[in-house]
Amino acid sequence: MTEFKIEEVVVVEGKDDIKRLNLYFPGIKTIQTQGSAISEPILDQIETAYHKTGVIVLTDPDFNGEKIRKKILERLPKAKQAFLPRDKAVPQKSGGSLGIEHASKVDLLEALKGARLTQQLYEPEVTRHDLIEHGLVFGPNARFLREQLGNQLKIGYGNAKQLEKKCATFQITKVEFEVAMKQVKENYEEFTHR
């Protein structure tokens, strides 16, 4: 079996993220944003890498990670994005914050393999009506279901409005959505019947 090779430069937040990626993927190319206040020289460096080899944005699954992601995508709207589920970024010790540096090799590989290009569809296949129909907008379990769906589709968590936009941005088809929702609901049924 051949090893999965990451051709693009992976954009992460900090040096601990780089250490973790290098541990599991020796020789991986990375750029560190040095936190959420990305400087112009770092954005220039990311843009240069984008034009040479491509980039994959892999930020922490938290507010600051989303802030960084948005800033990069303002400059490079078609950059690939990879998302690590929140529960895969939890530190071993209490008191720490969510981060890429806490993820396992399997989870990081899954996130990087699932990297998606962003491109807005003219007519999104997944509509607000679909989200409502599947209980993703209203109800006591809507947040949980959205989080699970974001993990299943590898597009990250979002509130109902953000999820609708992500489905359009990542060109999620109706078939992909339905298959993922079936899996989410099966997992939810198993979880609630334990």
C-alpha atoms as a PDB file:
ATOM      1  CA  MET A   1       0.000   0.000   0.000  1.00  0.00           C
ATOM      2  CA  THR A   2       1.378   3.410  -0.916  1.00  0.00           C
ATOM      3  CA  GLU A   3       1.689   6.159   1.650  1.00  0.00           C
ATOM      4  CA  PHE A   4      -0.674   9.119   1.200  1.00  0.00           C
ATOM      5  CA  LYS A   5       1.409  12.044  -0.081  1.00  0.00           C
ATOM      6  CA  ILE A   6       0.427  15.622   0.632  1.00  0.00           C
ATOM      7  CA  GLU A   7       1.629  17.786  -2.264  1.00  0.00           C
ATOM      8  CA  GLU A   8       0.189  21.060  -0.985  1.00  0.00           C
ATOM      9  CA  VAL A   9       1.570  23.268   1.764  1.00  0.00           C
ATOM     10  CA  VAL A  10      -0.511  22.860   4.925  1.00  0.00           C
ATOM     11  CA  VAL A  11      -1.350  26.118   6.700  1.00  0.00           C
ATOM     12  CA  VAL A  12      -1.620  25.737  10.478  1.00  0.00           C
ATOM     13  CA  GLU A  13      -1.714  28.098  13.450  1.00  0.00           C
ATOM     14  CA  GLY A  14       1.331  27.321  15.546  1.00  0.00           C
ATOM     15  CA  LYS A  15       4.626  25.527  16.010  1.00  0.00           C
ATOM     16  CA  ASP A  16       3.013  22.690  18.011  1.00  0.00           C
ATOM     17  CA  ASP A  17       0.753  21.960  15.035  1.00  0.00           C
ATOM     18  CA  ILE A  18       3.822  21.781  12.794  1.00  0.00           C
ATOM     19  CA  LYS A  19       5.581  19.444  15.246  1.00  0.00           C
ATOM     20  CA  ARG A  20       2.561  17.118  15.251  1.00  0.00           C
ATOM     21  CA  LEU A  21       2.311  17.065  11.448  1.00  0.00           C
ATOM     22  CA  ASN A  22       6.062  16.459  11.077  1.00  0.00           C
ATOM     23  CA  LEU A  23       5.861  13.605  13.575  1.00  0.00           C
ATOM     24  CA  TYR A  24       3.281  11.787  11.480  1.00  0.00           C
ATOM     25  CA  PHE A  25       4.153  13.031   7.989  1.00  0.00           C
ATOM     26  CA  PRO A  26       7.932  13.615   7.768  1.00  0.00           C
ATOM     27  CA  GLY A  27       8.808  16.157   5.090  1.00  0.00           C
ATOM     28  CA  ILE A  28       5.357  17.760   5.020  1.00  0.00           C
ATOM     29  CA  LYS A  29       5.485  21.391   3.942  1.00  0.00           C
ATOM     30  CA  THR A  30       3.815  23.813   6.346  1.00  0.00           C
ATOM     31  CA  ILE A  31       3.271  27.500   6.976  1.00  0.00           C
ATOM     32  CA  GLN A  32       2.525  28.800  10.463  1.00  0.00           C
ATOM     33  CA  THR A  33       0.119  31.730  10.786  1.00  0.00           C
ATOM     34  CA  GLN A  34       1.417  32.540  14.286  1.00  0.00           C
ATOM     35  CA  GLY A  35      -2.080  32.995  15.651  1.00  0.00           C
ATOM     36  CA  SER A  36      -5.198  34.786  14.486  1.00  0.00           C
ATOM     37  CA  ALA A  37      -3.554  38.133  13.689  1.00  0.00           C
ATOM     38  CA  ILE A  38      -1.971  37.010  10.419  1.00  0.00           C
ATOM     39  CA  SER A  39       0.552  39.503   9.115  1.00  0.00           C
ATOM     40  CA  GLU A  40       0.729  40.616   5.481  1.00  0.00           C
ATOM     41  CA  PRO A  41       4.122  38.901   4.963  1.00  0.00           C
ATOM     42  CA  ILE A  42       2.630  35.584   6.108  1.00  0.00           C
ATOM     43  CA  LEU A  43      -0.414  36.064   3.862  1.00  0.00           C
ATOM     44  CA  ASP A  44       2.027  36.775   1.002  1.00  0.00           C
ATOM     45  CA  GLN A  45       3.903  33.571   1.830  1.00  0.00           C
ATOM     46  CA  ILE A  46       0.641  31.588   1.815  1.00  0.00           C
ATOM     47  CA  GLU A  47      -0.327  33.145  -1.529  1.00  0.00           C
ATOM     48  CA  THR A  48       3.051  32.237  -3.049  1.00  0.00           C
ATOM     49  CA  ALA A  49       2.645  28.631  -1.882  1.00  0.00           C
ATOM     50  CA  TYR A  50      -0.911  28.595  -3.221  1.00  0.00           C
ATOM     51  CA  HIS A  51       0.313  29.489  -6.708  1.00  0.00           C
ATOM     52  CA  LYS A  52       3.266  27.059  -6.618  1.00  0.00           C
ATOM     53  CA  THR A  53       1.882  23.867  -5.067  1.00  0.00           C
ATOM     54  CA  GLY A  54      -1.501  24.725  -3.601  1.00  0.00           C
ATOM     55  CA  VAL A  55      -2.380  25.056   0.067  1.00  0.00           C
ATOM     56  CA  ILE A  56      -4.610  23.235   2.506  1.00  0.00           C
ATOM     57  CA  VAL A  57      -5.938  25.369   5.357  1.00  0.00           C
ATOM     58  CA  LEU A  58      -6.072  23.236   8.532  1.00  0.00           C
ATOM     59  CA  THR A  59      -6.848  25.448  11.519  1.00  0.00           C
ATOM     60  CA  ASP A  60      -8.054  24.583  15.004  1.00  0.00           C
ATOM     61  CA  PRO A  61     -11.797  23.851  15.241  1.00  0.00           C
ATOM     62  CA  ASP A  62     -12.549  26.937  17.327  1.00  0.00           C
ATOM     63  CA  PHE A  63     -13.384  30.633  16.966  1.00  0.00           C
ATOM     64  CA  ASN A  64      -9.800  31.750  16.289  1.00  0.00           C
ATOM     65  CA  GLY A  65      -9.297  28.940  13.796  1.00  0.00           C
ATOM     66  CA  GLU A  66     -12.365  30.092  11.852  1.00  0.00           C
ATOM     67  CA  LYS A  67     -11.145  33.699  12.009  1.00  0.00           C
ATOM     68  CA  ILE A  68      -7.815  32.662  10.453  1.00  0.00           C
ATOM     69  CA  ARG A  69      -9.552  30.520   7.831  1.00  0.00           C
ATOM     70  CA  LYS A  70     -11.793  33.437   6.789  1.00  0.00           C
ATOM     71  CA  LYS A  71      -8.848  35.812   6.497  1.00  0.00           C
ATOM     72  CA  ILE A  72      -6.960  33.394   4.241  1.00  0.00           C
ATOM     73  CA  LEU A  73     -10.047  32.717   2.127  1.00  0.00           C
ATOM     74  CA  GLU A  74     -10.646  36.432   1.610  1.00  0.00           C
ATOM     75  CA  ARG A  75      -7.320  36.488  -0.228  1.00  0.00           C
ATOM     76  CA  LEU A  76      -7.465  32.962  -1.726  1.00  0.00           C
ATOM     77  CA  PRO A  77     -11.133  31.975  -2.084  1.00  0.00           C
ATOM     78  CA  LYS A  78     -10.335  28.707  -3.868  1.00  0.00           C
ATOM     79  CA  ALA A  79      -7.813  27.386  -1.345  1.00  0.00           C
ATOM     80  CA  LYS A  80      -8.438  23.820  -0.192  1.00  0.00           C
ATOM     81  CA  GLN A  81      -9.804  23.442   3.314  1.00  0.00           C
ATOM     82  CA  ALA A  82      -9.492  20.548   5.733  1.00  0.00           C
ATOM     83  CA  PHE A  83     -11.459  20.277   8.939  1.00  0.00           C
ATOM     84  CA  LEU A  84     -10.679  18.345  12.096  1.00  0.00           C
ATOM     85  CA  PRO A  85     -13.757  17.476  14.190  1.00  0.00           C
ATOM     86  CA  ARG A  86     -13.793  19.195  17.573  1.00  0.00           C
ATOM     87  CA  ASP A  87     -13.767  15.910  19.477  1.00  0.00           C
ATOM     88  CA  LYS A  88     -10.539  14.894  17.689  1.00  0.00           C
ATOM     89  CA  ALA A  89      -8.741  18.078  18.794  1.00  0.00           C
ATOM     90  CA  VAL A  90      -9.279  17.821  22.543  1.00  0.00           C
ATOM     91  CA  PRO A  91      -6.152  18.008  24.734  1.00  0.00           C
ATOM     92  CA  GLN A  92      -5.259  15.059  26.962  1.00  0.00           C
ATOM     93  CA  LYS A  93      -4.852  17.318  29.996  1.00  0.00           C
ATOM     94  CA  SER A  94      -7.712  19.465  31.209  1.00  0.00           C
ATOM     95  CA  GLY A  95      -7.408  23.197  30.865  1.00  0.00           C
ATOM     96  CA  GLY A  96      -5.867  23.202  27.397  1.00  0.00           C
ATOM     97  CA  SER A  97      -7.563  24.482  24.294  1.00  0.00           C
ATOM     98  CA  LEU A  98      -8.697  22.613  21.216  1.00  0.00           C
ATOM     99  CA  GLY A  99      -5.946  22.193  18.691  1.00  0.00           C
ATOM    100  CA  ILE A 100      -4.496  20.336  15.738  1.00  0.00           C
ATOM    101  CA  GLU A 101      -1.518  19.490  17.969  1.00  0.00           C
ATOM    102  CA  HIS A 102      -3.706  17.058  19.957  1.00  0.00           C
ATOM    103  CA  ALA A 103      -4.920  14.996  16.977  1.00  0.00           C
ATOM    104  CA  SER A 104      -3.893  11.455  16.156  1.00  0.00           C
ATOM    105  CA  LYS A 105      -2.243  10.434  12.895  1.00  0.00           C
ATOM    106  CA  VAL A 106      -5.434   8.700  11.746  1.00  0.00           C
ATOM    107  CA  ASP A 107      -7.568  11.788  12.426  1.00  0.00           C
ATOM    108  CA  LEU A 108      -5.119  14.159  10.745  1.00  0.00           C
ATOM    109  CA  LEU A 109      -4.829  11.874   7.733  1.00  0.00           C
ATOM    110  CA  GLU A 110      -8.618  11.675   7.494  1.00  0.00           C
ATOM    111  CA  ALA A 111      -8.883  15.477   7.651  1.00  0.00           C
ATOM    112  CA  LEU A 112      -6.185  16.027   5.018  1.00  0.00           C
ATOM    113  CA  LYS A 113      -7.605  13.369   2.684  1.00  0.00           C
ATOM    114  CA  GLY A 114     -10.980  15.075   3.006  1.00  0.00           C
ATOM    115  CA  ALA A 115      -9.659  18.529   2.024  1.00  0.00           C
ATOM    116  CA  ARG A 116     -12.116  20.256  -0.282  1.00  0.00           C
ATOM    117  CA  LEU A 117     -11.950  23.097  -2.745  1.00  0.00           C
ATOM    118  CA  THR A 118     -14.298  25.969  -2.176  1.00  0.00           C
ATOM    119  CA  GLN A 119     -16.394  27.173  -5.047  1.00  0.00           C
ATOM    120  CA  GLN A 120     -19.885  28.609  -4.836  1.00  0.00           C
ATOM    121  CA  LEU A 121     -22.469  26.794  -6.941  1.00  0.00           C
ATOM    122  CA  TYR A 122     -24.929  28.870  -8.891  1.00  0.00           C
ATOM    123  CA  GLU A 123     -27.783  26.641  -7.773  1.00  0.00           C
ATOM    124  CA  PRO A 124     -26.921  24.903  -4.498  1.00  0.00           C
ATOM    125  CA  GLU A 125     -28.386  21.407  -4.330  1.00  0.00           C
ATOM    126  CA  VAL A 126     -28.825  21.410  -0.550  1.00  0.00           C
ATOM    127  CA  THR A 127     -31.383  24.000   0.503  1.00  0.00           C
ATOM    128  CA  ARG A 128     -32.655  25.436   3.763  1.00  0.00           C
ATOM    129  CA  HIS A 129     -35.725  23.244   3.287  1.00  0.00           C
ATOM    130  CA  ASP A 130     -33.477  20.129   3.305  1.00  0.00           C
ATOM    131  CA  LEU A 131     -31.847  21.272   6.548  1.00  0.00           C
ATOM    132  CA  ILE A 132     -35.235  21.856   8.180  1.00  0.00           C
ATOM    133  CA  GLU A 133     -36.592  18.536   6.914  1.00  0.00           C
ATOM    134  CA  HIS A 134     -33.681  16.665   8.517  1.00  0.00           C
ATOM    135  CA  GLY A 135     -33.924  18.456  11.888  1.00  0.00           C
ATOM    136  CA  LEU A 136     -30.765  20.509  11.416  1.00  0.00           C
ATOM    137  CA  VAL A 137     -32.325  23.933  12.027  1.00  0.00           C
ATOM    138  CA  PHE A 138     -34.820  23.547  14.876  1.00  0.00           C
ATOM    139  CA  GLY A 139     -35.167  21.152  17.767  1.00  0.00           C
ATOM    140  CA  PRO A 140     -33.245  19.958  20.785  1.00  0.00           C
ATOM    141  CA  ASN A 141     -30.811  17.837  18.728  1.00  0.00           C
ATOM    142  CA  ALA A 142     -30.219  20.242  15.831  1.00  0.00           C
ATOM    143  CA  ARG A 143     -26.803  21.409  17.043  1.00  0.00           C
ATOM    144  CA  PHE A 144     -25.596  17.855  17.636  1.00  0.00           C
ATOM    145  CA  LEU A 145     -26.873  16.706  14.232  1.00  0.00           C
ATOM    146  CA  ARG A 146     -25.205  19.659  12.461  1.00  0.00           C
ATOM    147  CA  GLU A 147     -21.910  18.906  14.182  1.00  0.00           C
ATOM    148  CA  GLN A 148     -22.120  15.240  13.182  1.00  0.00           C
ATOM    149  CA  LEU A 149     -23.068  16.130   9.602  1.00  0.00           C
ATOM    150  CA  GLY A 150     -20.159  18.582   9.350  1.00  0.00           C
ATOM    151  CA  ASN A 151     -17.827  15.811  10.537  1.00  0.00           C
ATOM    152  CA  GLN A 152     -19.334  13.278   8.133  1.00  0.00           C
ATOM    153  CA  LEU A 153     -19.013  15.640   5.140  1.00  0.00           C
ATOM    154  CA  LYS A 154     -15.614  16.938   6.363  1.00  0.00           C
ATOM    155  CA  ILE A 155     -16.716  20.569   6.169  1.00  0.00           C
ATOM    156  CA  GLY A 156     -16.583  21.472   9.860  1.00  0.00           C
ATOM    157  CA  TYR A 157     -19.275  22.681  12.241  1.00  0.00           C
ATOM    158  CA  GLY A 158     -21.589  25.572  11.560  1.00  0.00           C
ATOM    159  CA  ASN A 159     -24.883  26.954  12.800  1.00  0.00           C
ATOM    160  CA  ALA A 160     -27.843  26.425  10.430  1.00  0.00           C
ATOM    161  CA  LYS A 161     -27.071  29.468   8.286  1.00  0.00           C
ATOM    162  CA  GLN A 162     -23.350  28.616   8.117  1.00  0.00           C
ATOM    163  CA  LEU A 163     -24.107  24.977   7.294  1.00  0.00           C
ATOM    164  CA  GLU A 164     -26.321  25.991   4.397  1.00  0.00           C
ATOM    165  CA  LYS A 165     -23.521  28.230   3.080  1.00  0.00           C
ATOM    166  CA  LYS A 166     -20.880  25.519   3.580  1.00  0.00           C
ATOM    167  CA  CYS A 167     -22.968  23.018   1.627  1.00  0.00           C
ATOM    168  CA  ALA A 168     -23.066  25.481  -1.274  1.00  0.00           C
ATOM    169  CA  THR A 169     -19.430  26.550  -0.957  1.00  0.00           C
ATOM    170  CA  PHE A 170     -18.117  22.980  -0.860  1.00  0.00           C
ATOM    171  CA  GLN A 171     -20.522  21.894  -3.609  1.00  0.00           C
ATOM    172  CA  ILE A 172     -22.234  19.244  -1.507  1.00  0.00           C
ATOM    173  CA  THR A 173     -24.632  17.359  -3.745  1.00  0.00           C
ATOM    174  CA  LYS A 174     -28.078  16.231  -2.643  1.00  0.00           C
ATOM    175  CA  VAL A 175     -26.853  12.610  -2.856  1.00  0.00           C
ATOM    176  CA  GLU A 176     -23.796  13.315  -0.662  1.00  0.00           C
ATOM    177  CA  PHE A 177     -26.036  15.116   1.818  1.00  0.00           C
ATOM    178  CA  GLU A 178     -28.603  12.297   1.966  1.00  0.00           C
ATOM    179  CA  VAL A 179     -25.952   9.583   2.365  1.00  0.00           C
ATOM    180  CA  ALA A 180     -24.210  11.567   5.127  1.00  0.00           C
ATOM    181  CA  MET A 181     -27.514  12.272   6.912  1.00  0.00           C
ATOM    182  CA  LYS A 182     -28.412   8.577   6.816  1.00  0.00           C
ATOM    183  CA  GLN A 183     -25.094   7.773   8.523  1.00  0.00           C
ATOM    184  CA  VAL A 184     -25.560  10.604  11.048  1.00  0.00           C
ATOM    185  CA  LYS A 185     -29.036   9.360  11.964  1.00  0.00           C
ATOM    186  CA  GLU A 186     -27.848   5.744  12.265  1.00  0.00           C
ATOM    187  CA  ASN A 187     -25.013   6.858  14.549  1.00  0.00           C
ATOM    188  CA  TYR A 188     -27.436   8.988  16.557  1.00  0.00           C
ATOM    189  CA  GLU A 189     -29.825   6.032  16.987  1.00  0.00           C
ATOM    190  CA  GLU A 190     -26.952   3.831  18.203  1.00  0.00           C
ATOM    191  CA  PHE A 191     -25.781   6.555  20.578  1.00  0.00           C
ATOM    192  CA  THR A 192     -29.216   7.137  22.122  1.00  0.00           C
ATOM    193  CA  HIS A 193     -29.940   3.415  22.588  1.00  0.00           C
ATOM    194  CA  ARG A 194     -26.825   2.626  24.614  1.00  0.00           C
END
